[in-house]
Amino acid sequence: MNNILSKSQGETDLSTYDNSWYSPQAGSIKRLLWYCINALFFINPLNPVSSVKVVLLRMFGAKVGRGVTIKPTVNIKYPWLLEIGDHVWIGEKVWIDNLTKIYIGNNVCLSQGAMLLTGNHNYKKRTFDLMVGSIILEDGVWVGAQAVVCPGVVCRTHSVLAVGSVAVKNLESYGIYQGNPAQWMRGRSVE
């Protein structure tokens, strides 16, 4: 197999990268304030109190339900693009990289180190254009430790994404998915 690219295959040119079309829907002062709050109260492992974090998220425009637990070292990009339902558990080192809207339903569990990624790049274009897609986690979803939900994915009600798995397409209701890319393994029954 030839590992050398020919000029006819093209080359990436990041000097031409331009995502000026993208807007995080907040001014630079609000983004700077959130950056500081996120570093002090969310990413910082010395702040374990969920109720303070919930108040701060709401102050920055997030819609947050009742009984939400947010563990230490959680990183949230833009709270004004985030909606969280009731009785949600967000574990240590979860990264919510929401360049666009993320909806998290009721009774959802995001285990340690899980990642919700709404942004990616178009590797087929020499300009490596930014692409974004919202994520929806319906009621009862469980995203396992170190698992990744990619842009544009909907995890239907009570689906499970197993430890270390990567969801690149929608997960069906009550399905247990595993692997990279995640594949349906079996059905989930809740007693």
N, C-alpha and C. Protein backbone atom coordinates (compact mmCIF):
# COMPACT_ATOMS: atom_id res chain seq x y z
N MET A 1 0.85 -1.18 0.00
CA MET A 1 0.00 0.00 0.00
C MET A 1 0.89 1.24 0.00
N ASN A 2 0.57 2.17 -0.84
CA ASN A 2 1.37 3.39 -0.97
C ASN A 2 0.92 4.40 0.08
N ASN A 3 1.83 4.80 0.98
CA ASN A 3 1.49 5.76 2.04
C ASN A 3 1.75 7.20 1.65
N ILE A 4 2.25 7.44 0.46
CA ILE A 4 2.57 8.81 0.02
C ILE A 4 1.43 9.35 -0.81
N LEU A 5 0.93 10.51 -0.42
CA LEU A 5 -0.15 11.15 -1.17
C LEU A 5 0.38 11.83 -2.42
N SER A 6 -0.35 11.71 -3.49
CA SER A 6 0.01 12.46 -4.68
C SER A 6 -0.68 13.82 -4.62
N LYS A 7 -0.16 14.78 -5.35
CA LYS A 7 -0.76 16.12 -5.38
C LYS A 7 -2.21 16.07 -5.85
N SER A 8 -2.57 15.10 -6.69
CA SER A 8 -3.95 15.02 -7.19
C SER A 8 -4.94 14.66 -6.09
N GLN A 9 -4.44 14.07 -4.98
CA GLN A 9 -5.33 13.74 -3.87
C GLN A 9 -5.62 14.95 -3.00
N GLY A 10 -4.87 16.00 -3.14
CA GLY A 10 -5.09 17.23 -2.38
C GLY A 10 -4.38 17.22 -1.05
N GLU A 11 -4.32 18.40 -0.46
CA GLU A 11 -3.68 18.58 0.83
C GLU A 11 -4.50 19.53 1.68
N THR A 12 -4.48 19.31 2.97
CA THR A 12 -5.15 20.21 3.90
C THR A 12 -4.33 21.49 4.01
N ASP A 13 -5.02 22.62 4.03
CA ASP A 13 -4.35 23.91 4.17
C ASP A 13 -5.06 24.71 5.27
N LEU A 14 -4.57 24.57 6.51
CA LEU A 14 -5.23 25.23 7.64
C LEU A 14 -5.08 26.75 7.62
N SER A 15 -4.19 27.27 6.78
CA SER A 15 -4.08 28.73 6.68
C SER A 15 -5.34 29.33 6.05
N THR A 16 -6.14 28.51 5.39
CA THR A 16 -7.38 28.99 4.77
C THR A 16 -8.61 28.68 5.62
N TYR A 17 -8.39 28.11 6.80
CA TYR A 17 -9.51 27.78 7.70
C TYR A 17 -10.26 29.05 8.08
N ASP A 18 -11.59 29.00 7.99
CA ASP A 18 -12.41 30.16 8.31
C ASP A 18 -13.74 29.69 8.86
N ASN A 19 -13.94 29.88 10.15
CA ASN A 19 -15.24 29.53 10.73
C ASN A 19 -15.99 30.80 11.16
N SER A 20 -15.80 31.87 10.41
CA SER A 20 -16.44 33.14 10.76
C SER A 20 -17.97 33.05 10.72
N TRP A 21 -18.51 32.05 10.04
CA TRP A 21 -19.95 31.85 10.00
C TRP A 21 -20.49 31.41 11.35
N TYR A 22 -19.63 30.81 12.19
CA TYR A 22 -20.09 30.24 13.45
C TYR A 22 -20.24 31.31 14.52
N SER A 23 -21.36 31.24 15.26
CA SER A 23 -21.59 32.15 16.38
C SER A 23 -22.06 31.35 17.59
N PRO A 24 -21.38 31.50 18.74
CA PRO A 24 -21.82 30.79 19.95
C PRO A 24 -23.02 31.44 20.62
N GLN A 25 -23.63 32.42 19.98
CA GLN A 25 -24.84 33.08 20.46
C GLN A 25 -24.65 33.83 21.77
N ALA A 26 -23.46 34.36 21.98
CA ALA A 26 -23.18 35.18 23.16
C ALA A 26 -22.00 36.09 22.83
N GLY A 27 -21.99 37.25 23.45
CA GLY A 27 -20.90 38.20 23.23
C GLY A 27 -19.61 37.75 23.90
N SER A 28 -18.53 38.43 23.57
CA SER A 28 -17.22 38.05 24.08
C SER A 28 -17.10 38.23 25.59
N ILE A 29 -17.78 39.22 26.16
CA ILE A 29 -17.72 39.43 27.62
C ILE A 29 -18.42 38.27 28.34
N LYS A 30 -19.58 37.87 27.86
CA LYS A 30 -20.30 36.74 28.47
C LYS A 30 -19.46 35.47 28.35
N ARG A 31 -18.84 35.24 27.20
CA ARG A 31 -18.01 34.04 27.03
C ARG A 31 -16.81 34.07 27.97
N LEU A 32 -16.19 35.25 28.15
CA LEU A 32 -15.05 35.38 29.06
C LEU A 32 -15.47 35.13 30.51
N LEU A 33 -16.60 35.71 30.91
CA LEU A 33 -17.11 35.47 32.27
C LEU A 33 -17.39 33.98 32.49
N TRP A 34 -18.01 33.34 31.49
CA TRP A 34 -18.30 31.92 31.63
C TRP A 34 -16.99 31.11 31.71
N TYR A 35 -16.01 31.47 30.93
CA TYR A 35 -14.72 30.77 30.97
C TYR A 35 -14.17 30.77 32.40
N CYS A 36 -14.24 31.91 33.07
CA CYS A 36 -13.73 32.03 34.45
C CYS A 36 -14.58 31.22 35.43
N ILE A 37 -15.91 31.33 35.32
CA ILE A 37 -16.82 30.58 36.19
C ILE A 37 -16.63 29.08 35.99
N ASN A 38 -16.53 28.66 34.74
CA ASN A 38 -16.34 27.24 34.42
C ASN A 38 -15.04 26.72 35.06
N ALA A 39 -13.98 27.51 34.96
CA ALA A 39 -12.68 27.10 35.53
C ALA A 39 -12.74 27.04 37.06
N LEU A 40 -13.39 28.02 37.68
CA LEU A 40 -13.42 28.09 39.14
C LEU A 40 -14.39 27.12 39.80
N PHE A 41 -15.56 26.92 39.18
CA PHE A 41 -16.61 26.16 39.85
C PHE A 41 -16.90 24.79 39.24
N PHE A 42 -16.57 24.59 37.99
CA PHE A 42 -16.92 23.33 37.34
C PHE A 42 -15.69 22.44 37.13
N ILE A 43 -14.69 22.94 36.44
CA ILE A 43 -13.48 22.15 36.17
C ILE A 43 -12.68 21.92 37.45
N ASN A 44 -12.70 22.87 38.35
CA ASN A 44 -11.96 22.81 39.61
C ASN A 44 -12.45 21.63 40.46
N PRO A 45 -11.56 20.70 40.85
CA PRO A 45 -11.99 19.54 41.64
C PRO A 45 -12.35 19.88 43.08
N LEU A 46 -12.10 21.11 43.52
CA LEU A 46 -12.36 21.49 44.91
C LEU A 46 -13.76 22.05 45.13
N ASN A 47 -14.62 22.00 44.12
CA ASN A 47 -15.99 22.52 44.24
C ASN A 47 -17.00 21.40 43.99
N PRO A 48 -17.34 20.64 45.04
CA PRO A 48 -18.24 19.51 44.85
C PRO A 48 -19.73 19.82 44.95
N VAL A 49 -20.12 21.06 45.26
CA VAL A 49 -21.52 21.37 45.56
C VAL A 49 -22.34 21.58 44.27
N SER A 50 -23.25 20.65 44.00
CA SER A 50 -24.07 20.71 42.78
C SER A 50 -25.01 21.90 42.76
N SER A 51 -25.59 22.25 43.89
CA SER A 51 -26.60 23.32 43.90
C SER A 51 -26.02 24.64 43.42
N VAL A 52 -24.78 24.94 43.79
CA VAL A 52 -24.13 26.17 43.33
C VAL A 52 -23.93 26.13 41.82
N LYS A 53 -23.53 24.98 41.31
CA LYS A 53 -23.30 24.82 39.87
C LYS A 53 -24.61 24.98 39.09
N VAL A 54 -25.69 24.45 39.63
CA VAL A 54 -26.99 24.58 38.97
C VAL A 54 -27.40 26.05 38.89
N VAL A 55 -27.23 26.79 39.98
CA VAL A 55 -27.55 28.22 40.00
C VAL A 55 -26.71 28.96 38.96
N LEU A 56 -25.42 28.67 38.90
CA LEU A 56 -24.54 29.34 37.93
C LEU A 56 -24.94 29.01 36.50
N LEU A 57 -25.27 27.76 36.22
CA LEU A 57 -25.72 27.40 34.87
C LEU A 57 -26.96 28.18 34.48
N ARG A 58 -27.91 28.26 35.41
CA ARG A 58 -29.14 29.01 35.12
C ARG A 58 -28.85 30.49 34.89
N MET A 59 -27.91 31.06 35.68
CA MET A 59 -27.54 32.47 35.50
C MET A 59 -26.99 32.74 34.10
N PHE A 60 -26.35 31.72 33.52
CA PHE A 60 -25.78 31.87 32.19
C PHE A 60 -26.69 31.34 31.08
N GLY A 61 -27.96 31.09 31.41
CA GLY A 61 -28.95 30.79 30.39
C GLY A 61 -29.28 29.33 30.18
N ALA A 62 -28.68 28.41 30.92
CA ALA A 62 -29.04 27.00 30.79
C ALA A 62 -30.40 26.76 31.41
N LYS A 63 -31.12 25.81 30.86
CA LYS A 63 -32.37 25.35 31.46
C LYS A 63 -32.03 24.08 32.22
N VAL A 64 -32.20 24.12 33.54
CA VAL A 64 -31.80 22.99 34.38
C VAL A 64 -32.96 22.59 35.28
N GLY A 65 -33.28 21.31 35.27
CA GLY A 65 -34.39 20.79 36.05
C GLY A 65 -34.04 20.57 37.51
N ARG A 66 -34.90 19.82 38.20
CA ARG A 66 -34.74 19.54 39.63
C ARG A 66 -33.86 18.31 39.84
N GLY A 67 -33.18 18.27 40.98
CA GLY A 67 -32.44 17.08 41.38
C GLY A 67 -31.25 16.75 40.50
N VAL A 68 -30.61 17.75 39.93
CA VAL A 68 -29.46 17.53 39.05
C VAL A 68 -28.19 17.47 39.88
N THR A 69 -27.39 16.44 39.65
CA THR A 69 -26.10 16.28 40.33
C THR A 69 -24.98 16.51 39.33
N ILE A 70 -24.10 17.46 39.66
CA ILE A 70 -22.95 17.76 38.80
C ILE A 70 -21.70 17.56 39.64
N LYS A 71 -20.96 16.53 39.34
CA LYS A 71 -19.76 16.18 40.09
C LYS A 71 -18.61 17.14 39.74
N PRO A 72 -17.50 17.09 40.48
CA PRO A 72 -16.34 17.94 40.18
C PRO A 72 -15.70 17.60 38.83
N THR A 73 -14.96 18.55 38.31
CA THR A 73 -14.16 18.45 37.07
C THR A 73 -15.00 18.24 35.81
N VAL A 74 -16.21 18.80 35.80
CA VAL A 74 -17.06 18.79 34.60
C VAL A 74 -16.74 20.04 33.79
N ASN A 75 -16.64 19.90 32.48
CA ASN A 75 -16.33 21.02 31.59
C ASN A 75 -17.52 21.26 30.66
N ILE A 76 -18.08 22.46 30.71
CA ILE A 76 -19.23 22.80 29.86
C ILE A 76 -18.85 24.01 29.01
N LYS A 77 -18.95 23.86 27.68
CA LYS A 77 -18.54 24.92 26.76
C LYS A 77 -19.42 26.16 26.86
N TYR A 78 -20.71 26.03 26.55
CA TYR A 78 -21.62 27.17 26.52
C TYR A 78 -22.94 26.82 27.19
N PRO A 79 -23.17 27.23 28.43
CA PRO A 79 -24.40 26.84 29.14
C PRO A 79 -25.68 27.36 28.47
N TRP A 80 -25.62 28.47 27.77
CA TRP A 80 -26.81 29.02 27.13
C TRP A 80 -27.30 28.14 25.98
N LEU A 81 -26.54 27.13 25.62
CA LEU A 81 -26.94 26.17 24.58
C LEU A 81 -27.25 24.80 25.18
N LEU A 82 -27.56 24.78 26.49
CA LEU A 82 -27.73 23.51 27.21
C LEU A 82 -29.08 23.46 27.91
N GLU A 83 -29.75 22.32 27.77
CA GLU A 83 -30.99 22.07 28.50
C GLU A 83 -30.87 20.71 29.19
N ILE A 84 -31.08 20.70 30.51
CA ILE A 84 -30.96 19.49 31.32
C ILE A 84 -32.27 19.26 32.04
N GLY A 85 -32.79 18.04 31.97
CA GLY A 85 -34.04 17.69 32.63
C GLY A 85 -33.87 17.43 34.12
N ASP A 86 -34.84 16.75 34.69
CA ASP A 86 -34.86 16.45 36.12
C ASP A 86 -34.05 15.19 36.44
N HIS A 87 -33.43 15.19 37.62
CA HIS A 87 -32.74 14.02 38.19
C HIS A 87 -31.69 13.45 37.24
N VAL A 88 -30.83 14.33 36.77
CA VAL A 88 -29.73 13.97 35.87
C VAL A 88 -28.45 13.88 36.69
N TRP A 89 -27.62 12.91 36.37
CA TRP A 89 -26.33 12.70 37.02
C TRP A 89 -25.24 12.98 36.00
N ILE A 90 -24.35 13.94 36.31
CA ILE A 90 -23.22 14.25 35.43
C ILE A 90 -21.95 13.96 36.22
N GLY A 91 -21.25 12.90 35.84
CA GLY A 91 -20.11 12.39 36.59
C GLY A 91 -18.83 13.19 36.38
N GLU A 92 -17.82 12.82 37.15
CA GLU A 92 -16.51 13.48 37.10
C GLU A 92 -15.93 13.45 35.69
N LYS A 93 -15.28 14.55 35.33
CA LYS A 93 -14.56 14.70 34.06
C LYS A 93 -15.43 14.56 32.82
N VAL A 94 -16.74 14.77 32.95
CA VAL A 94 -17.60 14.81 31.77
C VAL A 94 -17.30 16.09 31.01
N TRP A 95 -17.25 16.00 29.68
CA TRP A 95 -17.01 17.17 28.84
C TRP A 95 -18.23 17.36 27.95
N ILE A 96 -18.94 18.47 28.17
CA ILE A 96 -20.08 18.84 27.33
C ILE A 96 -19.59 19.95 26.41
N ASP A 97 -19.15 19.55 25.23
CA ASP A 97 -18.57 20.47 24.26
C ASP A 97 -19.68 20.92 23.31
N ASN A 98 -20.55 21.78 23.82
CA ASN A 98 -21.76 22.15 23.08
C ASN A 98 -21.57 23.45 22.29
N LEU A 99 -21.06 23.30 21.09
CA LEU A 99 -20.97 24.42 20.15
C LEU A 99 -22.35 24.78 19.62
N THR A 100 -23.29 23.86 19.75
CA THR A 100 -24.70 24.08 19.41
C THR A 100 -25.52 23.39 20.49
N LYS A 101 -26.81 23.34 20.32
CA LYS A 101 -27.69 22.87 21.40
C LYS A 101 -27.48 21.41 21.76
N ILE A 102 -27.52 21.18 23.08
CA ILE A 102 -27.57 19.83 23.63
C ILE A 102 -28.78 19.77 24.55
N TYR A 103 -29.60 18.75 24.34
CA TYR A 103 -30.75 18.50 25.20
C TYR A 103 -30.51 17.20 25.94
N ILE A 104 -30.59 17.25 27.27
CA ILE A 104 -30.45 16.07 28.12
C ILE A 104 -31.77 15.89 28.85
N GLY A 105 -32.44 14.77 28.61
CA GLY A 105 -33.76 14.53 29.19
C GLY A 105 -33.70 14.20 30.67
N ASN A 106 -34.82 13.72 31.20
CA ASN A 106 -34.93 13.34 32.61
C ASN A 106 -34.26 12.01 32.89
N ASN A 107 -33.71 11.86 34.11
CA ASN A 107 -33.15 10.60 34.58
C ASN A 107 -32.04 10.06 33.68
N VAL A 108 -31.22 10.96 33.17
CA VAL A 108 -30.08 10.60 32.32
C VAL A 108 -28.83 10.52 33.19
N CYS A 109 -27.97 9.56 32.89
CA CYS A 109 -26.69 9.43 33.59
C CYS A 109 -25.55 9.56 32.59
N LEU A 110 -24.66 10.55 32.85
CA LEU A 110 -23.43 10.69 32.09
C LEU A 110 -22.30 10.26 33.02
N SER A 111 -21.74 9.09 32.78
CA SER A 111 -20.72 8.55 33.67
C SER A 111 -19.38 9.25 33.46
N GLN A 112 -18.43 8.93 34.34
CA GLN A 112 -17.13 9.59 34.40
C GLN A 112 -16.45 9.62 33.03
N GLY A 113 -16.00 10.81 32.66
CA GLY A 113 -15.22 10.98 31.44
C GLY A 113 -16.01 10.91 30.15
N ALA A 114 -17.33 10.84 30.23
CA ALA A 114 -18.14 10.83 29.00
C ALA A 114 -17.98 12.15 28.27
N MET A 115 -18.12 12.12 26.95
CA MET A 115 -17.97 13.32 26.14
C MET A 115 -19.16 13.47 25.20
N LEU A 116 -19.75 14.67 25.21
CA LEU A 116 -20.80 15.03 24.25
C LEU A 116 -20.18 16.06 23.33
N LEU A 117 -19.93 15.68 22.09
CA LEU A 117 -19.21 16.53 21.14
C LEU A 117 -20.13 16.97 20.02
N THR A 118 -20.41 18.27 19.94
CA THR A 118 -21.29 18.77 18.89
C THR A 118 -20.52 19.32 17.69
N GLY A 119 -19.21 19.34 17.75
CA GLY A 119 -18.42 19.88 16.65
C GLY A 119 -17.46 18.86 16.07
N ASN A 120 -17.16 19.05 14.79
CA ASN A 120 -16.21 18.20 14.08
C ASN A 120 -15.67 19.02 12.91
N HIS A 121 -14.79 18.44 12.15
CA HIS A 121 -14.24 19.13 10.99
C HIS A 121 -14.41 18.28 9.75
N ASN A 122 -14.61 18.92 8.63
CA ASN A 122 -14.77 18.23 7.35
C ASN A 122 -13.39 17.91 6.78
N TYR A 123 -12.94 16.70 7.01
CA TYR A 123 -11.61 16.28 6.56
C TYR A 123 -11.51 16.13 5.04
N LYS A 124 -12.64 16.18 4.34
CA LYS A 124 -12.64 16.08 2.89
C LYS A 124 -12.33 17.42 2.22
N LYS A 125 -12.44 18.51 2.98
CA LYS A 125 -12.17 19.84 2.43
C LYS A 125 -10.78 20.29 2.83
N ARG A 126 -10.08 20.90 1.95
CA ARG A 126 -8.72 21.37 2.26
C ARG A 126 -8.75 22.45 3.34
N THR A 127 -9.90 23.13 3.50
CA THR A 127 -10.02 24.19 4.51
C THR A 127 -10.42 23.64 5.88
N PHE A 128 -10.70 22.32 5.99
CA PHE A 128 -10.97 21.66 7.26
C PHE A 128 -12.14 22.33 7.99
N ASP A 129 -13.21 22.66 7.23
CA ASP A 129 -14.35 23.42 7.74
C ASP A 129 -14.97 22.83 9.00
N LEU A 130 -15.38 23.72 9.90
CA LEU A 130 -16.10 23.34 11.11
C LEU A 130 -17.50 22.86 10.73
N MET A 131 -17.93 21.78 11.36
CA MET A 131 -19.30 21.27 11.20
C MET A 131 -19.87 21.08 12.60
N VAL A 132 -21.13 21.45 12.80
CA VAL A 132 -21.76 21.28 14.11
C VAL A 132 -23.09 20.54 13.94
N GLY A 133 -23.45 19.81 14.98
CA GLY A 133 -24.73 19.11 15.01
C GLY A 133 -25.17 18.93 16.44
N SER A 134 -26.44 19.20 16.70
CA SER A 134 -26.95 19.10 18.07
C SER A 134 -27.01 17.65 18.52
N ILE A 135 -27.10 17.48 19.84
CA ILE A 135 -27.21 16.15 20.45
C ILE A 135 -28.46 16.14 21.31
N ILE A 136 -29.19 15.03 21.24
CA ILE A 136 -30.37 14.84 22.08
C ILE A 136 -30.21 13.52 22.83
N LEU A 137 -30.29 13.60 24.15
CA LEU A 137 -30.31 12.41 25.00
C LEU A 137 -31.70 12.36 25.63
N GLU A 138 -32.51 11.43 25.18
CA GLU A 138 -33.88 11.35 25.68
C GLU A 138 -33.90 10.76 27.09
N ASP A 139 -35.07 10.71 27.70
CA ASP A 139 -35.22 10.25 29.09
C ASP A 139 -34.60 8.86 29.29
N GLY A 140 -33.94 8.70 30.45
CA GLY A 140 -33.43 7.40 30.86
C GLY A 140 -32.17 6.92 30.17
N VAL A 141 -31.54 7.75 29.38
CA VAL A 141 -30.31 7.36 28.66
C VAL A 141 -29.15 7.24 29.64
N TRP A 142 -28.28 6.28 29.39
CA TRP A 142 -27.05 6.13 30.17
C TRP A 142 -25.88 6.14 29.19
N VAL A 143 -25.00 7.13 29.35
CA VAL A 143 -23.76 7.20 28.57
C VAL A 143 -22.65 6.74 29.51
N GLY A 144 -22.04 5.61 29.20
CA GLY A 144 -21.05 4.99 30.07
C GLY A 144 -19.75 5.79 30.17
N ALA A 145 -18.93 5.38 31.13
CA ALA A 145 -17.65 6.04 31.35
C ALA A 145 -16.79 6.04 30.09
N GLN A 146 -16.18 7.19 29.81
CA GLN A 146 -15.28 7.36 28.67
C GLN A 146 -15.96 7.15 27.32
N ALA A 147 -17.28 7.15 27.28
CA ALA A 147 -18.00 7.00 26.01
C ALA A 147 -18.16 8.37 25.36
N VAL A 148 -18.35 8.37 24.03
CA VAL A 148 -18.43 9.60 23.26
C VAL A 148 -19.71 9.59 22.42
N VAL A 149 -20.46 10.71 22.50
CA VAL A 149 -21.61 10.92 21.62
C VAL A 149 -21.20 12.00 20.63
N CYS A 150 -21.27 11.68 19.34
CA CYS A 150 -20.79 12.58 18.29
C CYS A 150 -21.89 13.52 17.80
N PRO A 151 -21.51 14.54 17.02
CA PRO A 151 -22.47 15.54 16.54
C PRO A 151 -23.65 14.93 15.80
N GLY A 152 -24.83 15.47 16.07
CA GLY A 152 -26.03 15.08 15.34
C GLY A 152 -26.70 13.81 15.82
N VAL A 153 -26.19 13.20 16.88
CA VAL A 153 -26.71 11.92 17.36
C VAL A 153 -27.88 12.12 18.32
N VAL A 154 -28.89 11.27 18.17
CA VAL A 154 -30.01 11.20 19.10
C VAL A 154 -29.93 9.85 19.80
N CYS A 155 -29.85 9.87 21.12
CA CYS A 155 -29.91 8.65 21.92
C CYS A 155 -31.34 8.54 22.42
N ARG A 156 -32.10 7.61 21.85
CA ARG A 156 -33.52 7.47 22.17
C ARG A 156 -33.71 6.97 23.61
N THR A 157 -34.92 7.08 24.09
CA THR A 157 -35.25 6.80 25.47
C THR A 157 -34.67 5.47 25.98
N HIS A 158 -34.00 5.55 27.12
CA HIS A 158 -33.45 4.41 27.84
C HIS A 158 -32.40 3.61 27.07
N SER A 159 -31.80 4.21 26.06
CA SER A 159 -30.68 3.53 25.39
C SER A 159 -29.44 3.64 26.26
N VAL A 160 -28.50 2.72 26.04
CA VAL A 160 -27.26 2.67 26.80
C VAL A 160 -26.09 2.67 25.82
N LEU A 161 -25.13 3.56 26.07
CA LEU A 161 -23.88 3.56 25.32
C LEU A 161 -22.81 3.05 26.28
N ALA A 162 -22.29 1.88 26.03
CA ALA A 162 -21.39 1.20 26.97
C ALA A 162 -20.05 1.92 27.12
N VAL A 163 -19.34 1.56 28.16
CA VAL A 163 -18.03 2.12 28.50
C VAL A 163 -17.12 2.18 27.28
N GLY A 164 -16.53 3.35 27.03
CA GLY A 164 -15.54 3.52 25.98
C GLY A 164 -16.08 3.45 24.56
N SER A 165 -17.37 3.43 24.38
CA SER A 165 -17.97 3.31 23.05
C SER A 165 -18.16 4.68 22.41
N VAL A 166 -18.35 4.68 21.09
CA VAL A 166 -18.49 5.92 20.33
C VAL A 166 -19.76 5.86 19.49
N ALA A 167 -20.73 6.73 19.81
CA ALA A 167 -21.99 6.79 19.06
C ALA A 167 -21.84 7.77 17.91
N VAL A 168 -21.84 7.25 16.68
CA VAL A 168 -21.74 8.09 15.49
C VAL A 168 -23.07 8.16 14.75
N LYS A 169 -24.03 7.35 15.18
CA LYS A 169 -25.38 7.37 14.62
C LYS A 169 -26.37 7.19 15.76
N ASN A 170 -27.65 7.42 15.47
CA ASN A 170 -28.69 7.38 16.50
C ASN A 170 -28.76 6.02 17.18
N LEU A 171 -29.06 6.05 18.48
CA LEU A 171 -29.27 4.82 19.25
C LEU A 171 -30.76 4.64 19.45
N GLU A 172 -31.26 3.44 19.21
CA GLU A 172 -32.69 3.18 19.32
C GLU A 172 -33.09 2.97 20.78
N SER A 173 -34.37 3.19 21.07
CA SER A 173 -34.91 3.05 22.43
C SER A 173 -34.61 1.68 23.01
N TYR A 174 -34.22 1.67 24.28
CA TYR A 174 -33.98 0.45 25.05
C TYR A 174 -32.94 -0.46 24.40
N GLY A 175 -32.03 0.10 23.63
CA GLY A 175 -30.95 -0.68 23.06
C GLY A 175 -29.66 -0.46 23.82
N ILE A 176 -28.85 -1.50 23.93
CA ILE A 176 -27.52 -1.40 24.52
C ILE A 176 -26.52 -1.45 23.38
N TYR A 177 -25.67 -0.41 23.30
CA TYR A 177 -24.73 -0.25 22.20
C TYR A 177 -23.31 -0.28 22.74
N GLN A 178 -22.41 -0.89 21.95
CA GLN A 178 -21.03 -1.03 22.40
C GLN A 178 -20.11 -0.98 21.19
N GLY A 179 -18.89 -0.46 21.40
CA GLY A 179 -17.84 -0.48 20.38
C GLY A 179 -17.58 0.87 19.75
N ASN A 180 -16.66 0.86 18.80
CA ASN A 180 -16.29 2.05 18.04
C ASN A 180 -16.19 1.67 16.57
N PRO A 181 -17.22 2.03 15.79
CA PRO A 181 -18.45 2.73 16.16
C PRO A 181 -19.39 1.81 16.93
N ALA A 182 -20.23 2.41 17.77
CA ALA A 182 -21.15 1.64 18.61
C ALA A 182 -22.14 0.86 17.76
N GLN A 183 -22.30 -0.40 18.13
CA GLN A 183 -23.25 -1.30 17.46
C GLN A 183 -24.25 -1.82 18.48
N TRP A 184 -25.47 -2.10 18.02
CA TRP A 184 -26.49 -2.66 18.88
C TRP A 184 -26.04 -4.04 19.35
N MET A 185 -26.08 -4.28 20.67
CA MET A 185 -25.67 -5.57 21.22
C MET A 185 -26.87 -6.39 21.68
N ARG A 186 -27.80 -5.73 22.40
CA ARG A 186 -28.98 -6.43 22.91
C ARG A 186 -29.97 -5.37 23.43
N GLY A 187 -31.14 -5.83 23.81
CA GLY A 187 -32.14 -4.94 24.35
C GLY A 187 -31.93 -4.72 25.85
N ARG A 188 -32.46 -3.61 26.34
CA ARG A 188 -32.39 -3.27 27.77
C ARG A 188 -33.79 -3.43 28.36
N SER A 189 -33.87 -4.12 29.48
CA SER A 189 -35.14 -4.14 30.21
C SER A 189 -34.91 -3.50 31.57
N VAL A 190 -35.85 -2.66 31.96
CA VAL A 190 -35.76 -1.95 33.23
C VAL A 190 -36.87 -2.50 34.12
N GLU A 191 -36.51 -3.01 35.29
CA GLU A 191 -37.50 -3.61 36.20
C GLU A 191 -38.00 -2.62 37.20
